[in-house]
């Protein structure tokens, strides 16, 4: 560590994903080393700021001998001396709160998305709006976004009184995504597909195509 950090609060920023120059494993190892070095240099408190937390989707045992990666990541970071962690739209907040023993903060982007969507929907005088969750696990996330969007629409004088949340009927069979209907009515609606992350886009594509086939219009796909 270059510089005197003794007695200081230090924030270490590292988003964990693979890019063209470095692997996610390399970035995570560097994050652990830097946090540990800061504590050894007598930093008062080290906060890990991780906009995208890798391996966060494996938060429970889905089959015999499956790993629980959220637990292992938390243990490794805490062993390096972090006092707090900050994430952006972490995949499963409850799982991270249970995995980490140090305080964590989760920043949500829903207000930014809601502001943009409200302005665009008002510009086209849209009153039939649906929020599409690509799977049942995202319903709570969509509910929070719906509340934020409704607030902004009503504030701008929109005639929209309510927004329905619909869900893609998704099932995983031997690693493949199966499903073929939307739970809810999207006929003639402006549909906002909402999720926390898009990896291969397989689920999102199937959900949006199904919504179109059932008479909906994909207004936007929003993901942190």
Protein backbone atom coordinates (compact mmCIF):
# COMPACT_ATOMS: atom_id res chain seq x y z
CA UNK A 1 0.00 0.00 0.00
CA UNK A 2 1.46 3.34 -1.09
CA UNK A 3 0.80 6.10 1.47
CA UNK A 4 0.04 6.36 5.19
CA UNK A 5 -3.34 4.87 6.12
CA UNK A 6 -2.79 4.55 9.88
CA UNK A 7 -6.00 5.38 11.73
CA UNK A 8 -7.95 6.13 8.53
CA UNK A 9 -11.21 4.78 7.14
CA UNK A 10 -10.30 3.26 3.76
CA UNK A 11 -12.65 2.29 0.93
CA UNK A 12 -11.42 -0.34 -1.54
CA UNK A 13 -13.40 -0.39 -4.80
CA UNK A 14 -13.33 -3.52 -6.95
CA UNK A 15 -16.10 -4.91 -9.16
CA UNK A 16 -15.73 -8.66 -9.58
CA UNK A 17 -16.12 -9.78 -13.18
CA UNK A 18 -13.87 -11.15 -15.91
CA UNK A 19 -12.80 -8.71 -18.63
CA UNK A 20 -10.32 -8.78 -21.52
CA UNK A 21 -7.32 -8.19 -19.26
CA UNK A 22 -8.05 -9.94 -15.97
CA UNK A 23 -10.10 -12.81 -14.58
CA UNK A 24 -12.62 -12.50 -11.77
CA UNK A 25 -10.40 -14.78 -9.68
CA UNK A 26 -7.43 -12.46 -10.16
CA UNK A 27 -9.48 -9.43 -9.18
CA UNK A 28 -10.84 -11.15 -6.09
CA UNK A 29 -7.37 -12.23 -4.98
CA UNK A 30 -6.07 -8.67 -5.38
CA UNK A 31 -9.03 -7.34 -3.41
CA UNK A 32 -8.26 -9.70 -0.52
CA UNK A 33 -4.54 -8.85 -0.58
CA UNK A 34 -5.15 -5.08 -0.60
CA UNK A 35 -7.70 -5.28 2.23
CA UNK A 36 -5.34 -7.40 4.29
CA UNK A 37 -2.41 -5.07 3.61
CA UNK A 38 -4.46 -2.07 4.70
CA UNK A 39 -5.33 -3.69 8.03
CA UNK A 40 -1.69 -4.65 8.56
CA UNK A 41 -0.80 -1.01 7.83
CA UNK A 42 -3.03 -0.02 10.79
CA UNK A 43 -5.99 1.33 8.85
CA UNK A 44 -8.81 2.03 11.31
CA UNK A 45 -11.55 0.51 9.16
CA UNK A 46 -11.58 -1.08 5.70
CA UNK A 47 -14.78 -1.06 3.62
CA UNK A 48 -14.94 -3.24 0.50
CA UNK A 49 -17.03 -1.53 -2.20
CA UNK A 50 -18.03 -4.25 -4.68
CA UNK A 51 -20.52 -3.01 -7.31
CA UNK A 52 -20.87 -6.52 -8.76
CA UNK A 53 -20.37 -9.36 -6.30
CA UNK A 54 -19.24 -12.46 -8.17
CA UNK A 55 -20.48 -15.94 -7.29
CA UNK A 56 -23.51 -14.41 -5.51
CA UNK A 57 -26.12 -16.55 -7.24
CA UNK A 58 -25.01 -19.76 -5.52
CA UNK A 59 -26.44 -18.89 -2.10
CA UNK A 60 -27.85 -22.26 -1.02
CA UNK A 61 -27.45 -25.96 -1.67
CA UNK A 62 -29.45 -26.81 -4.77
CA UNK A 63 -28.25 -30.43 -4.82
CA UNK A 64 -26.09 -32.78 -2.80
CA UNK A 65 -22.48 -31.52 -2.35
CA UNK A 66 -23.18 -28.24 -4.17
CA UNK A 67 -21.09 -25.29 -2.91
CA UNK A 68 -22.54 -22.28 -1.10
CA UNK A 69 -20.24 -19.67 -2.66
CA UNK A 70 -21.76 -16.63 -0.93
CA UNK A 71 -20.68 -18.08 2.42
CA UNK A 72 -17.13 -18.80 1.25
CA UNK A 73 -16.67 -15.34 -0.30
CA UNK A 74 -17.88 -13.68 2.89
CA UNK A 75 -15.50 -15.72 5.04
CA UNK A 76 -12.50 -14.92 2.84
CA UNK A 77 -13.18 -11.19 2.79
CA UNK A 78 -13.81 -11.03 6.52
CA UNK A 79 -10.61 -12.99 7.22
CA UNK A 80 -8.72 -10.21 5.40
CA UNK A 81 -10.03 -7.65 7.88
CA UNK A 82 -12.91 -5.81 6.19
CA UNK A 83 -15.25 -4.05 8.62
CA UNK A 84 -18.09 -3.42 6.15
CA UNK A 85 -19.08 -4.27 2.59
CA UNK A 86 -21.13 -2.29 0.06
CA UNK A 87 -22.85 -3.79 -2.99
CA UNK A 88 -25.10 -2.58 -5.81
CA UNK A 89 -28.29 -4.61 -6.37
CA UNK A 90 -26.83 -7.79 -4.94
CA UNK A 91 -28.59 -10.91 -6.28
CA UNK A 92 -30.11 -12.07 -2.97
CA UNK A 93 -29.86 -9.53 -0.17
CA UNK A 94 -31.12 -11.89 2.53
CA UNK A 95 -28.48 -14.46 1.60
CA UNK A 96 -25.67 -11.89 1.81
CA UNK A 97 -26.95 -10.54 5.12
CA UNK A 98 -26.77 -14.06 6.52
CA UNK A 99 -23.40 -14.89 4.91
CA UNK A 100 -21.57 -11.81 6.22
CA UNK A 101 -21.08 -11.18 9.94
CA UNK A 102 -19.89 -7.61 9.29
CA UNK A 103 -22.45 -4.89 8.38
CA UNK A 104 -23.32 -4.69 4.68
CA UNK A 105 -25.09 -2.04 2.61
CA UNK A 106 -26.94 -2.66 -0.64
CA UNK A 107 -27.51 0.27 -3.01
CA UNK A 108 -30.45 -0.12 -5.40
CA UNK A 109 -30.69 1.42 -8.86
CA UNK A 110 -34.49 1.28 -8.95
CA UNK A 111 -34.91 5.04 -8.50
CA UNK A 112 -32.65 5.81 -11.46
CA UNK A 113 -34.54 3.34 -13.65
CA UNK A 114 -37.92 4.58 -12.41
CA UNK A 115 -37.07 8.20 -13.23
CA UNK A 116 -36.03 7.32 -16.78
CA UNK A 117 -38.99 5.05 -17.46
CA UNK A 118 -41.51 7.53 -16.03
CA UNK A 119 -40.24 10.30 -18.32
CA UNK A 120 -40.31 8.07 -21.40
CA UNK A 121 -43.73 6.57 -20.62
CA UNK A 122 -45.23 10.00 -20.07
CA UNK A 123 -43.80 11.16 -23.39
CA UNK A 124 -45.78 8.44 -25.19
CA UNK A 125 -48.88 8.81 -22.97
CA UNK A 126 -48.74 5.19 -21.91
CA UNK A 127 -51.35 4.08 -19.37
CA UNK A 128 -51.21 0.27 -19.72
CA UNK A 129 -47.92 -0.69 -18.09
CA UNK A 130 -46.73 -4.08 -16.86
CA UNK A 131 -43.50 -5.03 -15.10
CA UNK A 132 -42.13 -8.42 -16.15
CA UNK A 133 -40.06 -10.55 -13.80
CA UNK A 134 -38.02 -13.18 -15.71
CA UNK A 135 -38.58 -15.61 -12.83
CA UNK A 136 -40.53 -15.88 -9.59
CA UNK A 137 -37.44 -15.08 -7.51
CA UNK A 138 -37.44 -11.50 -8.80
CA UNK A 139 -40.98 -10.60 -7.73
CA UNK A 140 -39.92 -8.69 -4.59
CA UNK A 141 -37.39 -6.72 -6.64
CA UNK A 142 -40.08 -5.87 -9.19
CA UNK A 143 -42.44 -4.80 -6.40
CA UNK A 144 -39.93 -2.24 -5.13
CA UNK A 145 -39.42 -0.94 -8.67
CA UNK A 146 -43.19 -0.72 -9.24
CA UNK A 147 -43.58 1.42 -6.12
CA UNK A 148 -40.80 3.78 -7.24
CA UNK A 149 -42.22 4.02 -10.78
CA UNK A 150 -45.78 4.69 -9.60
CA UNK A 151 -44.58 7.48 -7.33
CA UNK A 152 -42.87 9.24 -10.21
CA UNK A 153 -45.74 8.75 -12.63
CA UNK A 154 -48.28 10.16 -10.17
CA UNK A 155 -45.99 13.07 -9.35
CA UNK A 156 -45.91 13.99 -13.04
CA UNK A 157 -49.69 13.92 -13.38
CA UNK A 158 -50.00 10.57 -15.15
CA UNK A 159 -53.41 8.89 -15.22
CA UNK A 160 -51.86 5.52 -14.32
CA UNK A 161 -53.45 4.24 -11.10
CA UNK A 162 -51.74 0.89 -10.83
CA UNK A 163 -49.10 -1.25 -12.50
CA UNK A 164 -49.38 -5.03 -12.56
CA UNK A 165 -46.41 -7.32 -12.08
CA UNK A 166 -46.32 -10.36 -14.36
CA UNK A 167 -43.87 -13.27 -14.31
CA UNK A 168 -42.31 -15.63 -16.82
CA UNK A 169 -43.05 -19.27 -16.00
CA UNK A 170 -39.44 -20.45 -15.86
CA UNK A 171 -38.14 -23.87 -14.89
CA UNK A 172 -34.64 -25.30 -15.09
CA UNK A 173 -34.48 -28.90 -16.35
CA UNK A 174 -30.97 -30.40 -16.44
CA UNK A 175 -29.43 -26.96 -16.81
CA UNK A 176 -31.76 -25.79 -19.60
CA UNK A 177 -34.43 -23.12 -19.20
CA UNK A 178 -37.95 -24.37 -19.82
CA UNK A 179 -41.15 -22.37 -19.80
CA UNK A 180 -43.65 -21.06 -22.23
CA UNK A 181 -46.14 -18.62 -20.74
CA UNK A 182 -46.49 -15.35 -18.90
CA UNK A 183 -48.33 -15.49 -15.59
CA UNK A 184 -50.51 -12.40 -15.96
CA UNK A 185 -52.01 -10.46 -18.87
CA UNK A 186 -49.66 -8.40 -21.09
CA UNK A 187 -52.08 -7.86 -23.98
CA UNK A 188 -51.54 -4.37 -25.51
CA UNK A 189 -49.32 -3.36 -22.59
CA UNK A 190 -45.98 -1.59 -22.48
CA UNK A 191 -43.82 -4.18 -20.72
CA UNK A 192 -40.75 -3.35 -18.65
CA UNK A 193 -38.60 -6.43 -18.09
CA UNK A 194 -36.76 -5.93 -14.79
CA UNK A 195 -33.90 -7.92 -13.27
CA UNK A 196 -30.73 -7.44 -11.23
CA UNK A 197 -28.29 -9.00 -13.69
CA UNK A 198 -28.07 -10.39 -17.21
CA UNK A 199 -25.46 -13.10 -17.73
CA UNK A 200 -26.13 -15.07 -20.91
CA UNK A 201 -29.51 -13.34 -21.51
CA UNK A 202 -31.13 -16.73 -22.15
CA UNK A 203 -33.89 -16.27 -19.59
CA UNK A 204 -34.46 -12.61 -20.46
CA UNK A 205 -34.75 -13.39 -24.16
CA UNK A 206 -37.25 -16.20 -23.62
CA UNK A 207 -39.31 -14.05 -21.25
CA UNK A 208 -39.46 -11.10 -23.66
CA UNK A 209 -40.23 -13.24 -26.72
CA UNK A 210 -43.04 -14.93 -24.78
CA UNK A 211 -44.43 -11.54 -23.73
CA UNK A 212 -44.43 -10.38 -27.36
CA UNK A 213 -46.13 -13.59 -28.48
CA UNK A 214 -48.85 -12.94 -25.90
CA UNK A 215 -49.55 -9.46 -27.28
CA UNK A 216 -47.25 -7.25 -25.21
CA UNK A 217 -44.82 -4.56 -26.37
CA UNK A 218 -41.35 -4.61 -24.81
CA UNK A 219 -40.87 -1.01 -23.73
CA UNK A 220 -37.57 -1.54 -21.93
CA UNK A 221 -35.24 -4.11 -20.42
CA UNK A 222 -33.75 -2.77 -17.18
CA UNK A 223 -30.93 -4.48 -15.29
CA UNK A 224 -28.14 -3.14 -13.09
